Structure formats: C-alpha cells, structure tokens
C-alpha cells in the first residue's frame, strides 16, 4: 500500500496545557515518547507533527515542543507544527491534512490520551485510522510515582470512548 515518494510514517505528538515559556514536564515527556517512536533507521522517512495551540498568553504548545526536540534533544528530522488546536478533537482534525500521504500513523501522548485521539481519528477519518500503529509511549515503571492519579485521569479521559473504538490496527 506504499505511496510513491510519500513519507512512510508520521508521529503526532499531542500538546498539553503549557502556560510557561518553555515546554513543561508533560510536554517534554511527550516529545521524548514521540521521538523514540520513530521506526529505527527510518528517521528520514518520518515526519514528526507537534500539535497544540497557545494556551493563555505564551507560545503555542506545538512550538514549545518543537523547540525542545531540536535544541535540547538535538532532533534534526522533518518537523511540522499544528499550532491552532485547543482540544484533542481539534488536534486530530487539524493534523489530518498532514497524514493523508503516509503509510503509518503513530500518536504519542499518555496512553489514555493517545487512545482517545486514535478513537477521534477513527470517527473523523476511518480510512486513515486503518494506518494507525502504536507509538512507544508506554514504558513500565516510567510513571510509577503518579500512576494512581494518571489512572483516574485516564478513566475520565476515556469516559466517552466506546469499546469498538479501543482497537488498534496492527
């Protein structure tokens, strides 16, 4: 199902509310999860899409995450910014044009949030949802200290997601 000359993979990194002038803890973690989700040896065939608008007065979440990826983590691959969205639904809607020509789509965020975004993609564009593969956004032990809180947040995040929307194409 390859697209001639197209990029084979897109990693979408979803932003989190970030009122300060640099990427906060959660956004820094999401950037690292997104970059480690790039298929090995495939850096040049992957586009990384940072998605998130300005929350409050500062720069857009997308810009803060891209700055962190480049200046702190030294990422020099292909980057796209989607800096208008304010909700997860808008994140998904606004990145769709950047996903049309890729073979594999990965969404990087906390697992419950990524699942919600994948379900939204399935609602908006079932054809593109067929290309979803899991990002490397869960490592056992990584969030141990905040696990109970994240579990509660995850349940709240997923309250409107139907069982059929939890599946992943592999």
Foldseek 3Di string as FASTA:
>chain_A
DADVPAQAEEEEQEFDQDQDAAHDPQLQLQLVLRVVQQPPPRQASYEYEYEFAHDPDYGTRSVRSVCCCCPVVNDDGHYHYHHDDHDLLVRLVRCVVVQPNYQAYEYTHAVLSRLLSLLSCCVVPVPSQLRYDYTSHDDPPPCVVCVVVVVVVSCVSCVPPDPVSNDHRD
